[in-house]
Amino acid sequence: MTIALIGSTGQLGTDFKKVIPKELLINLDYPDFDLTKGDLIREKLLAIRPDIIINTAAYNLVDRAEEFPEEALAVNYHGVKNLVDVCLELNCVLVHYSTDYVFGTDQNRHVPYTEDDEPAPLNKYGGSKLLGEREVTTRLKKYFLIRTSGLFGVAGSAGKGGNFIEAIIKKSKETGELQVVSDQILTPTYTLDLARQTWALIKTQNYGLYHITSEGSCSWYEFACEIMKYIKPQIKITPTKSSDYHSPAERPAYSVLENKKLKSLNLNQMRPWAETITDYLKEKGHI
C-alpha cells in the first residue's frame, strides 16, 4: 500500500506520521505540492500512483477569507476538485477534512450536529469548505470525508502561527491575565487522537461522511480555564462576548459535532476533550 500524505509538516499531518508506518507514506508539502495547481498535482500523483490520498492541507484563515474569498476557494474548493479529478483517474481512496464551520446559521442550536444534519455556513470560510465537501461526495465513491473541530497539535497550524493553546499560554505570560470568548461552543480536538481514529477508520473501508471530534463540548473560555489549571492556575481569566472583538467573520455560537456514525459502527475511540490536554502539554514540554 502507498499513501500520499498532503500537508505532512502541518498540525494534523505531523501526527499522522506518528501513527501510520513510515514505509507506507509519501509526504507531499507546499510549495512543491500546491493544491491550486491542477497540472502539477496530477503529474506528481500519477508518478506515485497512491492507493490512498490523505489531504490535511486547507486554507483556514477564517477572518481573511471574508475579505479575500477567492483565496479560500482556490484551496478549499478548486484544490479539492483537482484532487477528486486525480482520484477518479487513479481509482484511489481520498481522505479529506472539513470543519464544524459548515454549520452555524441556526442561532438557537443546543444539540450536537450529526452527519444527517443539513450544513448551512455563516461565513465564507465555511462556504468554501462546504463546496469542497460537495466535490468529494457527489463525484467519488471511495472517500472518507471527515468533519472536525478546534484542532490543536504539537506542530501547530502553519497558517495561524500555532494554535489556541499556544496563543493562550503566550498571552498569559505577556499580560498576566486573559480575556476569552465564552459565547462560542465547540469541541477542542487533539490532532494525535484524530490521526489515530482516522487511521483505524481507513482500515475498515467503511467509506462516507464522518464527524470526528473529541467527546464533550465547551466554550473557548472554558477551554482556556482548563489549560491554565496546569500552566498558571492563579491567573485571572475573564469571559467576554464575540461581539467585543468585531471580527470580520461571524462564528457559530454552537458548532458541536456528534460522532454518530463512528458510534453506530462501534468504532469511536475519541476521548473527552479535557483528558487530552495534559497529553498535549507534556508532549509540547509545558508540563
C-alpha atoms as a PDB file:
ATOM      1  CA  MET A   1       0.000   0.000   0.000  1.00  0.00           C
ATOM      2  CA  THR A   2       1.144   3.518  -0.809  1.00  0.00           C
ATOM      3  CA  ILE A   3      -0.322   6.541   0.976  1.00  0.00           C
ATOM      4  CA  ALA A   4       0.211  10.105  -0.226  1.00  0.00           C
ATOM      5  CA  LEU A   5       0.076  12.432   2.789  1.00  0.00           C
ATOM      6  CA  ILE A   6      -0.626  16.004   1.714  1.00  0.00           C
ATOM      7  CA  GLY A   7       0.424  18.577   4.315  1.00  0.00           C
ATOM      8  CA  SER A   8       2.752  16.227   6.178  1.00  0.00           C
ATOM      9  CA  THR A   9       4.509  19.041   8.067  1.00  0.00           C
ATOM     10  CA  GLY A  10       1.253  20.613   9.291  1.00  0.00           C
ATOM     11  CA  GLN A  11      -0.527  20.160  12.592  1.00  0.00           C
ATOM     12  CA  LEU A  12      -2.514  17.036  11.639  1.00  0.00           C
ATOM     13  CA  GLY A  13      -0.032  15.743   9.056  1.00  0.00           C
ATOM     14  CA  THR A  14       2.765  15.694  11.647  1.00  0.00           C
ATOM     15  CA  ASP A  15       0.685  13.432  13.888  1.00  0.00           C
ATOM     16  CA  PHE A  16      -0.228  11.108  11.026  1.00  0.00           C
ATOM     17  CA  LYS A  17       3.497  10.405  10.661  1.00  0.00           C
ATOM     18  CA  LYS A  18       3.457   9.078  14.253  1.00  0.00           C
ATOM     19  CA  VAL A  19       0.508   6.774  13.524  1.00  0.00           C
ATOM     20  CA  ILE A  20       0.948   5.369  10.005  1.00  0.00           C
ATOM     21  CA  PRO A  21       4.003   3.154   9.317  1.00  0.00           C
ATOM     22  CA  LYS A  22       6.549   5.366   7.579  1.00  0.00           C
ATOM     23  CA  GLU A  23       7.262   2.820   4.840  1.00  0.00           C
ATOM     24  CA  LEU A  24       3.691   3.358   3.585  1.00  0.00           C
ATOM     25  CA  LEU A  25       3.933   7.143   3.401  1.00  0.00           C
ATOM     26  CA  ILE A  26       4.986   9.561   0.694  1.00  0.00           C
ATOM     27  CA  ASN A  27       4.967  13.084   2.116  1.00  0.00           C
ATOM     28  CA  LEU A  28       3.786  15.971  -0.050  1.00  0.00           C
ATOM     29  CA  ASP A  29       4.034  19.579   1.083  1.00  0.00           C
ATOM     30  CA  TYR A  30       3.527  23.144  -0.082  1.00  0.00           C
ATOM     31  CA  PRO A  31       5.045  24.829  -2.083  1.00  0.00           C
ATOM     32  CA  ASP A  32       6.352  21.798  -4.034  1.00  0.00           C
ATOM     33  CA  PHE A  33       2.861  20.323  -3.906  1.00  0.00           C
ATOM     34  CA  ASP A  34       0.339  23.131  -4.400  1.00  0.00           C
ATOM     35  CA  LEU A  35      -3.332  22.091  -4.462  1.00  0.00           C
ATOM     36  CA  THR A  36      -4.235  25.088  -6.613  1.00  0.00           C
ATOM     37  CA  LYS A  37      -2.027  23.864  -9.491  1.00  0.00           C
ATOM     38  CA  GLY A  38      -4.016  21.079 -11.099  1.00  0.00           C
ATOM     39  CA  ASP A  39      -1.445  20.020 -13.704  1.00  0.00           C
ATOM     40  CA  LEU A  40       1.336  19.889 -11.108  1.00  0.00           C
ATOM     41  CA  ILE A  41      -0.528  17.746  -8.576  1.00  0.00           C
ATOM     42  CA  ARG A  42      -1.791  15.415 -11.316  1.00  0.00           C
ATOM     43  CA  GLU A  43       1.768  14.885 -12.563  1.00  0.00           C
ATOM     44  CA  LYS A  44       3.119  14.186  -9.066  1.00  0.00           C
ATOM     45  CA  LEU A  45       0.274  11.881  -8.035  1.00  0.00           C
ATOM     46  CA  LEU A  46       0.315   9.916 -11.290  1.00  0.00           C
ATOM     47  CA  ALA A  47       4.031   9.327 -10.739  1.00  0.00           C
ATOM     48  CA  ILE A  48       3.323   7.993  -7.227  1.00  0.00           C
ATOM     49  CA  ARG A  49       0.064   6.149  -8.022  1.00  0.00           C
ATOM     50  CA  PRO A  50      -1.056   6.027  -4.370  1.00  0.00           C
ATOM     51  CA  ASP A  51      -3.758   3.690  -3.101  1.00  0.00           C
ATOM     52  CA  ILE A  52      -4.881   6.348  -0.616  1.00  0.00           C
ATOM     53  CA  ILE A  53      -4.541  10.136  -0.593  1.00  0.00           C
ATOM     54  CA  ILE A  54      -4.850  11.835   2.796  1.00  0.00           C
ATOM     55  CA  ASN A  55      -5.393  15.566   2.407  1.00  0.00           C
ATOM     56  CA  THR A  56      -4.705  17.557   5.573  1.00  0.00           C
ATOM     57  CA  ALA A  57      -3.974  20.798   3.682  1.00  0.00           C
ATOM     58  CA  ALA A  58      -6.511  23.636   3.836  1.00  0.00           C
ATOM     59  CA  TYR A  59      -6.940  27.390   3.835  1.00  0.00           C
ATOM     60  CA  ASN A  60      -8.112  28.152   7.380  1.00  0.00           C
ATOM     61  CA  LEU A  61      -7.708  31.921   7.794  1.00  0.00           C
ATOM     62  CA  VAL A  62     -11.345  32.485   8.729  1.00  0.00           C
ATOM     63  CA  ASP A  63     -11.278  36.283   9.001  1.00  0.00           C
ATOM     64  CA  ARG A  64      -9.093  36.837   5.930  1.00  0.00           C
ATOM     65  CA  ALA A  65     -11.479  34.690   3.870  1.00  0.00           C
ATOM     66  CA  GLU A  66     -14.214  37.299   4.363  1.00  0.00           C
ATOM     67  CA  GLU A  67     -12.137  39.913   2.572  1.00  0.00           C
ATOM     68  CA  PHE A  68     -10.387  37.576   0.124  1.00  0.00           C
ATOM     69  CA  PRO A  69     -12.841  34.717  -0.508  1.00  0.00           C
ATOM     70  CA  GLU A  70     -11.060  33.760  -3.730  1.00  0.00           C
ATOM     71  CA  GLU A  71      -8.024  32.669  -1.662  1.00  0.00           C
ATOM     72  CA  ALA A  72     -10.145  30.271   0.394  1.00  0.00           C
ATOM     73  CA  LEU A  73     -11.955  28.970  -2.695  1.00  0.00           C
ATOM     74  CA  ALA A  74      -8.672  28.362  -4.541  1.00  0.00           C
ATOM     75  CA  VAL A  75      -7.576  25.801  -1.923  1.00  0.00           C
ATOM     76  CA  ASN A  76     -10.752  24.563  -0.219  1.00  0.00           C
ATOM     77  CA  TYR A  77     -12.865  24.204  -3.370  1.00  0.00           C
ATOM     78  CA  HIS A  78     -10.798  24.280  -6.569  1.00  0.00           C
ATOM     79  CA  GLY A  79      -7.877  22.478  -4.886  1.00  0.00           C
ATOM     80  CA  VAL A  80     -10.180  19.711  -3.685  1.00  0.00           C
ATOM     81  CA  LYS A  81     -11.702  19.477  -7.167  1.00  0.00           C
ATOM     82  CA  ASN A  82      -8.179  18.940  -8.524  1.00  0.00           C
ATOM     83  CA  LEU A  83      -7.655  16.079  -6.061  1.00  0.00           C
ATOM     84  CA  VAL A  84     -11.002  14.497  -6.896  1.00  0.00           C
ATOM     85  CA  ASP A  85     -10.099  14.568 -10.604  1.00  0.00           C
ATOM     86  CA  VAL A  86      -6.907  12.607  -9.895  1.00  0.00           C
ATOM     87  CA  CYS A  87      -8.652  10.163  -7.537  1.00  0.00           C
ATOM     88  CA  LEU A  88     -11.120   9.318 -10.295  1.00  0.00           C
ATOM     89  CA  GLU A  89      -8.263   8.778 -12.740  1.00  0.00           C
ATOM     90  CA  LEU A  90      -6.332   6.542 -10.323  1.00  0.00           C
ATOM     91  CA  ASN A  91      -9.368   4.887  -8.684  1.00  0.00           C
ATOM     92  CA  CYS A  92      -7.818   5.607  -5.275  1.00  0.00           C
ATOM     93  CA  VAL A  93      -9.307   6.482  -1.886  1.00  0.00           C
ATOM     94  CA  LEU A  94      -9.477  10.114  -0.752  1.00  0.00           C
ATOM     95  CA  VAL A  95      -9.380  11.093   2.914  1.00  0.00           C
ATOM     96  CA  HIS A  96     -10.349  14.746   3.219  1.00  0.00           C
ATOM     97  CA  TYR A  97     -11.014  17.012   6.217  1.00  0.00           C
ATOM     98  CA  SER A  98     -13.748  19.552   6.657  1.00  0.00           C
ATOM     99  CA  THR A  99     -14.955  21.677   9.538  1.00  0.00           C
ATOM    100  CA  ASP A 100     -17.684  22.349  12.087  1.00  0.00           C
ATOM    101  CA  TYR A 101     -17.951  25.772  10.419  1.00  0.00           C
ATOM    102  CA  VAL A 102     -20.082  24.271   7.629  1.00  0.00           C
ATOM    103  CA  PHE A 103     -22.808  24.744  10.267  1.00  0.00           C
ATOM    104  CA  GLY A 104     -23.810  27.844  12.198  1.00  0.00           C
ATOM    105  CA  THR A 105     -26.858  29.645  10.848  1.00  0.00           C
ATOM    106  CA  ASP A 106     -29.137  28.015  13.463  1.00  0.00           C
ATOM    107  CA  GLN A 107     -28.581  30.546  16.243  1.00  0.00           C
ATOM    108  CA  ASN A 108     -30.767  28.628  18.727  1.00  0.00           C
ATOM    109  CA  ARG A 109     -28.934  25.333  18.326  1.00  0.00           C
ATOM    110  CA  HIS A 110     -28.017  23.455  21.518  1.00  0.00           C
ATOM    111  CA  VAL A 111     -27.886  19.867  20.225  1.00  0.00           C
ATOM    112  CA  PRO A 112     -24.758  18.442  18.534  1.00  0.00           C
ATOM    113  CA  TYR A 113     -24.840  18.203  14.746  1.00  0.00           C
ATOM    114  CA  THR A 114     -24.772  14.724  13.220  1.00  0.00           C
ATOM    115  CA  GLU A 115     -23.859  13.619   9.727  1.00  0.00           C
ATOM    116  CA  ASP A 116     -27.589  13.717   8.883  1.00  0.00           C
ATOM    117  CA  ASP A 117     -27.944  17.476   9.510  1.00  0.00           C
ATOM    118  CA  GLU A 118     -28.029  19.871   6.569  1.00  0.00           C
ATOM    119  CA  PRO A 119     -24.998  22.209   6.515  1.00  0.00           C
ATOM    120  CA  ALA A 120     -25.558  25.980   6.466  1.00  0.00           C
ATOM    121  CA  PRO A 121     -22.357  28.011   6.986  1.00  0.00           C
ATOM    122  CA  LEU A 122     -22.236  31.509   8.484  1.00  0.00           C
ATOM    123  CA  ASN A 123     -19.001  32.684   6.880  1.00  0.00           C
ATOM    124  CA  LYS A 124     -17.090  32.462   3.613  1.00  0.00           C
ATOM    125  CA  TYR A 125     -14.504  30.066   5.009  1.00  0.00           C
ATOM    126  CA  GLY A 126     -17.292  27.637   5.919  1.00  0.00           C
ATOM    127  CA  GLY A 127     -18.828  28.147   2.493  1.00  0.00           C
ATOM    128  CA  SER A 128     -15.553  27.290   0.746  1.00  0.00           C
ATOM    129  CA  LYS A 129     -15.186  24.099   2.810  1.00  0.00           C
ATOM    130  CA  LEU A 130     -18.757  23.069   2.025  1.00  0.00           C
ATOM    131  CA  LEU A 131     -18.128  23.454  -1.719  1.00  0.00           C
ATOM    132  CA  GLY A 132     -15.087  21.194  -1.317  1.00  0.00           C
ATOM    133  CA  GLU A 133     -17.190  18.640   0.559  1.00  0.00           C
ATOM    134  CA  ARG A 134     -19.679  18.504  -2.301  1.00  0.00           C
ATOM    135  CA  GLU A 135     -16.926  17.825  -4.821  1.00  0.00           C
ATOM    136  CA  VAL A 136     -15.996  14.759  -2.763  1.00  0.00           C
ATOM    137  CA  THR A 137     -19.472  13.419  -2.002  1.00  0.00           C
ATOM    138  CA  THR A 138     -21.016  13.920  -5.442  1.00  0.00           C
ATOM    139  CA  ARG A 139     -18.135  12.636  -7.560  1.00  0.00           C
ATOM    140  CA  LEU A 140     -16.384   9.906  -5.544  1.00  0.00           C
ATOM    141  CA  LYS A 141     -17.477   6.552  -4.170  1.00  0.00           C
ATOM    142  CA  LYS A 142     -14.321   5.695  -2.218  1.00  0.00           C
ATOM    143  CA  TYR A 143     -13.806   8.516   0.252  1.00  0.00           C
ATOM    144  CA  PHE A 144     -13.640   9.397   3.925  1.00  0.00           C
ATOM    145  CA  LEU A 145     -14.921  12.935   4.400  1.00  0.00           C
ATOM    146  CA  ILE A 146     -14.202  13.929   7.994  1.00  0.00           C
ATOM    147  CA  ARG A 147     -15.588  16.999   9.735  1.00  0.00           C
ATOM    148  CA  THR A 148     -13.723  18.020  12.866  1.00  0.00           C
ATOM    149  CA  SER A 149     -13.409  20.967  15.253  1.00  0.00           C
ATOM    150  CA  GLY A 150     -10.993  23.136  17.265  1.00  0.00           C
ATOM    151  CA  LEU A 151      -7.792  21.325  16.329  1.00  0.00           C
ATOM    152  CA  PHE A 152      -4.645  21.513  18.441  1.00  0.00           C
ATOM    153  CA  GLY A 153      -1.429  19.556  17.923  1.00  0.00           C
ATOM    154  CA  VAL A 154       2.238  19.976  18.755  1.00  0.00           C
ATOM    155  CA  ALA A 155       3.248  21.157  15.273  1.00  0.00           C
ATOM    156  CA  GLY A 156       0.706  23.995  15.353  1.00  0.00           C
ATOM    157  CA  SER A 157      -1.108  25.428  12.369  1.00  0.00           C
ATOM    158  CA  ALA A 158       1.361  26.985   9.930  1.00  0.00           C
ATOM    159  CA  GLY A 159      -1.168  29.471   8.580  1.00  0.00           C
ATOM    160  CA  LYS A 160      -2.167  30.664  12.046  1.00  0.00           C
ATOM    161  CA  GLY A 161       1.280  30.549  13.614  1.00  0.00           C
ATOM    162  CA  GLY A 162       0.401  27.985  16.268  1.00  0.00           C
ATOM    163  CA  ASN A 163      -2.894  27.008  17.887  1.00  0.00           C
ATOM    164  CA  PHE A 164      -5.249  28.195  20.625  1.00  0.00           C
ATOM    165  CA  ILE A 165      -3.305  26.594  23.468  1.00  0.00           C
ATOM    166  CA  GLU A 166      -0.010  28.193  22.428  1.00  0.00           C
ATOM    167  CA  ALA A 167      -1.697  31.569  21.912  1.00  0.00           C
ATOM    168  CA  ILE A 168      -3.259  31.447  25.377  1.00  0.00           C
ATOM    169  CA  ILE A 169      -0.010  30.463  27.093  1.00  0.00           C
ATOM    170  CA  LYS A 170       1.927  33.195  25.269  1.00  0.00           C
ATOM    171  CA  LYS A 171      -0.696  35.844  26.104  1.00  0.00           C
ATOM    172  CA  SER A 172      -0.756  34.808  29.774  1.00  0.00           C
ATOM    173  CA  LYS A 173       2.999  35.354  30.026  1.00  0.00           C
ATOM    174  CA  GLU A 174       2.832  38.719  28.280  1.00  0.00           C
ATOM    175  CA  THR A 175      -0.151  40.254  30.087  1.00  0.00           C
ATOM    176  CA  GLY A 176      -0.621  38.282  33.302  1.00  0.00           C
ATOM    177  CA  GLU A 177      -4.364  37.955  32.628  1.00  0.00           C
ATOM    178  CA  LEU A 178      -6.675  36.706  29.908  1.00  0.00           C
ATOM    179  CA  GLN A 179      -9.950  37.653  28.260  1.00  0.00           C
ATOM    180  CA  VAL A 180     -11.530  34.802  26.322  1.00  0.00           C
ATOM    181  CA  VAL A 181     -14.779  34.426  24.389  1.00  0.00           C
ATOM    182  CA  SER A 182     -17.449  32.497  26.271  1.00  0.00           C
ATOM    183  CA  ASP A 183     -20.344  32.534  23.768  1.00  0.00           C
ATOM    184  CA  GLN A 184     -18.941  30.136  21.148  1.00  0.00           C
ATOM    185  CA  ILE A 185     -19.414  26.446  21.995  1.00  0.00           C
ATOM    186  CA  LEU A 186     -17.324  23.787  20.224  1.00  0.00           C
ATOM    187  CA  THR A 187     -15.203  20.696  20.877  1.00  0.00           C
ATOM    188  CA  PRO A 188     -11.407  21.114  21.073  1.00  0.00           C
ATOM    189  CA  THR A 189      -9.810  18.117  19.346  1.00  0.00           C
ATOM    190  CA  TYR A 190      -6.266  16.798  19.797  1.00  0.00           C
ATOM    191  CA  THR A 191      -4.781  16.019  16.385  1.00  0.00           C
ATOM    192  CA  LEU A 192      -2.929  12.915  17.599  1.00  0.00           C
ATOM    193  CA  ASP A 193      -6.256  11.378  18.676  1.00  0.00           C
ATOM    194  CA  LEU A 194      -7.793  12.442  15.356  1.00  0.00           C
ATOM    195  CA  ALA A 195      -4.959  10.835  13.371  1.00  0.00           C
ATOM    196  CA  ARG A 196      -5.268   7.576  15.325  1.00  0.00           C
ATOM    197  CA  GLN A 197      -9.036   7.494  14.877  1.00  0.00           C
ATOM    198  CA  THR A 198      -8.786   8.267  11.160  1.00  0.00           C
ATOM    199  CA  TRP A 199      -6.221   5.512  10.592  1.00  0.00           C
ATOM    200  CA  ALA A 200      -8.453   2.998  12.397  1.00  0.00           C
ATOM    201  CA  LEU A 201     -11.384   4.122  10.230  1.00  0.00           C
ATOM    202  CA  ILE A 202      -9.448   3.964   6.937  1.00  0.00           C
ATOM    203  CA  LYS A 203      -8.613   0.306   7.566  1.00  0.00           C
ATOM    204  CA  THR A 204     -12.338  -0.619   7.766  1.00  0.00           C
ATOM    205  CA  GLN A 205     -13.146   0.622   4.228  1.00  0.00           C
ATOM    206  CA  ASN A 206     -16.469   1.922   5.572  1.00  0.00           C
ATOM    207  CA  TYR A 207     -16.471   4.882   3.205  1.00  0.00           C
ATOM    208  CA  GLY A 208     -18.547   8.024   3.696  1.00  0.00           C
ATOM    209  CA  LEU A 209     -19.022  11.180   5.740  1.00  0.00           C
ATOM    210  CA  TYR A 210     -17.932  11.154   9.394  1.00  0.00           C
ATOM    211  CA  HIS A 211     -17.841  13.568  12.283  1.00  0.00           C
ATOM    212  CA  ILE A 212     -14.700  13.013  14.364  1.00  0.00           C
ATOM    213  CA  THR A 213     -14.056  15.229  17.374  1.00  0.00           C
ATOM    214  CA  SER A 214     -13.150  14.657  20.969  1.00  0.00           C
ATOM    215  CA  GLU A 215     -16.107  13.924  23.243  1.00  0.00           C
ATOM    216  CA  GLY A 216     -17.979  16.696  25.042  1.00  0.00           C
ATOM    217  CA  SER A 217     -18.042  20.433  24.409  1.00  0.00           C
ATOM    218  CA  CYS A 218     -17.005  23.755  25.941  1.00  0.00           C
ATOM    219  CA  SER A 219     -16.621  27.441  25.228  1.00  0.00           C
ATOM    220  CA  TRP A 220     -13.238  28.923  24.331  1.00  0.00           C
ATOM    221  CA  TYR A 221     -13.306  30.447  27.838  1.00  0.00           C
ATOM    222  CA  GLU A 222     -13.803  27.029  29.473  1.00  0.00           C
ATOM    223  CA  PHE A 223     -11.052  25.607  27.261  1.00  0.00           C
ATOM    224  CA  ALA A 224      -8.673  28.360  28.423  1.00  0.00           C
ATOM    225  CA  CYS A 225      -9.565  27.731  32.078  1.00  0.00           C
ATOM    226  CA  GLU A 226      -8.762  24.020  31.693  1.00  0.00           C
ATOM    227  CA  ILE A 227      -5.404  24.780  30.043  1.00  0.00           C
ATOM    228  CA  MET A 228      -4.401  27.282  32.721  1.00  0.00           C
ATOM    229  CA  LYS A 229      -5.128  24.794  35.522  1.00  0.00           C
ATOM    230  CA  TYR A 230      -1.835  23.144  34.524  1.00  0.00           C
ATOM    231  CA  ILE A 231       0.151  26.208  33.456  1.00  0.00           C
ATOM    232  CA  LYS A 232      -0.742  29.142  35.704  1.00  0.00           C
ATOM    233  CA  PRO A 233      -3.716  28.311  37.963  1.00  0.00           C
ATOM    234  CA  GLN A 234      -3.720  31.689  39.713  1.00  0.00           C
ATOM    235  CA  ILE A 235      -4.188  33.743  36.541  1.00  0.00           C
ATOM    236  CA  LYS A 236      -7.313  35.864  36.157  1.00  0.00           C
ATOM    237  CA  ILE A 237      -9.427  34.801  33.148  1.00  0.00           C
ATOM    238  CA  THR A 238     -12.387  36.989  32.207  1.00  0.00           C
ATOM    239  CA  PRO A 239     -15.194  35.727  29.936  1.00  0.00           C
ATOM    240  CA  THR A 240     -16.044  38.049  27.035  1.00  0.00           C
ATOM    241  CA  LYS A 241     -18.512  38.131  24.145  1.00  0.00           C
ATOM    242  CA  SER A 242     -17.730  37.593  20.462  1.00  0.00           C
ATOM    243  CA  SER A 243     -19.247  40.994  19.704  1.00  0.00           C
ATOM    244  CA  ASP A 244     -16.460  42.676  21.711  1.00  0.00           C
ATOM    245  CA  TYR A 245     -13.910  41.719  19.038  1.00  0.00           C
ATOM    246  CA  HIS A 246     -15.601  42.967  15.834  1.00  0.00           C
ATOM    247  CA  SER A 247     -14.058  40.146  13.792  1.00  0.00           C
ATOM    248  CA  PRO A 248     -14.635  40.251  10.010  1.00  0.00           C
ATOM    249  CA  ALA A 249     -16.095  36.716  10.008  1.00  0.00           C
ATOM    250  CA  GLU A 250     -19.059  35.702  12.118  1.00  0.00           C
ATOM    251  CA  ARG A 251     -18.502  32.470  14.068  1.00  0.00           C
ATOM    252  CA  PRO A 252     -21.171  29.920  15.024  1.00  0.00           C
ATOM    253  CA  ALA A 253     -22.471  30.289  18.572  1.00  0.00           C
ATOM    254  CA  TYR A 254     -22.746  26.487  18.698  1.00  0.00           C
ATOM    255  CA  SER A 255     -20.885  24.106  16.370  1.00  0.00           C
ATOM    256  CA  VAL A 256     -20.557  20.897  18.390  1.00  0.00           C
ATOM    257  CA  LEU A 257     -20.365  17.731  16.282  1.00  0.00           C
ATOM    258  CA  GLU A 258     -21.601  14.288  17.331  1.00  0.00           C
ATOM    259  CA  ASN A 259     -19.578  11.221  16.267  1.00  0.00           C
ATOM    260  CA  LYS A 260     -22.833   9.456  15.445  1.00  0.00           C
ATOM    261  CA  LYS A 261     -21.664   7.337  12.536  1.00  0.00           C
ATOM    262  CA  LEU A 262     -18.477   6.191  14.291  1.00  0.00           C
ATOM    263  CA  LYS A 263     -20.555   5.111  17.282  1.00  0.00           C
ATOM    264  CA  SER A 264     -23.078   3.267  15.111  1.00  0.00           C
ATOM    265  CA  LEU A 265     -20.176   1.194  13.749  1.00  0.00           C
ATOM    266  CA  ASN A 266     -18.658   0.721  17.241  1.00  0.00           C
ATOM    267  CA  LEU A 267     -15.511   2.493  16.042  1.00  0.00           C
ATOM    268  CA  ASN A 268     -15.473   5.584  18.250  1.00  0.00           C
ATOM    269  CA  GLN A 269     -12.277   5.789  20.314  1.00  0.00           C
ATOM    270  CA  MET A 270     -12.214   9.564  20.847  1.00  0.00           C
ATOM    271  CA  ARG A 271     -11.602  10.709  24.429  1.00  0.00           C
ATOM    272  CA  PRO A 272     -13.250  13.595  26.314  1.00  0.00           C
ATOM    273  CA  TRP A 273     -11.512  16.815  25.268  1.00  0.00           C
ATOM    274  CA  ALA A 274     -10.349  17.704  28.801  1.00  0.00           C
ATOM    275  CA  GLU A 275      -8.497  14.367  29.115  1.00  0.00           C
ATOM    276  CA  THR A 276      -6.329  15.162  26.097  1.00  0.00           C
ATOM    277  CA  ILE A 277      -4.911  18.488  27.310  1.00  0.00           C
ATOM    278  CA  THR A 278      -2.272  17.045  29.669  1.00  0.00           C
ATOM    279  CA  ASP A 279      -1.029  14.721  26.901  1.00  0.00           C
ATOM    280  CA  TYR A 280      -0.570  17.736  24.629  1.00  0.00           C
ATOM    281  CA  LEU A 281       1.088  19.862  27.328  1.00  0.00           C
ATOM    282  CA  LYS A 282       3.517  17.047  28.172  1.00  0.00           C
ATOM    283  CA  GLU A 283       4.329  16.357  24.525  1.00  0.00           C
ATOM    284  CA  LYS A 284       4.930  20.066  23.976  1.00  0.00           C
ATOM    285  CA  GLY A 285       7.113  20.318  27.099  1.00  0.00           C
ATOM    286  CA  HIS A 286       4.900  22.744  29.040  1.00  0.00           C
ATOM    287  CA  ILE A 287       4.495  20.378  31.995  1.00  0.00           C
END
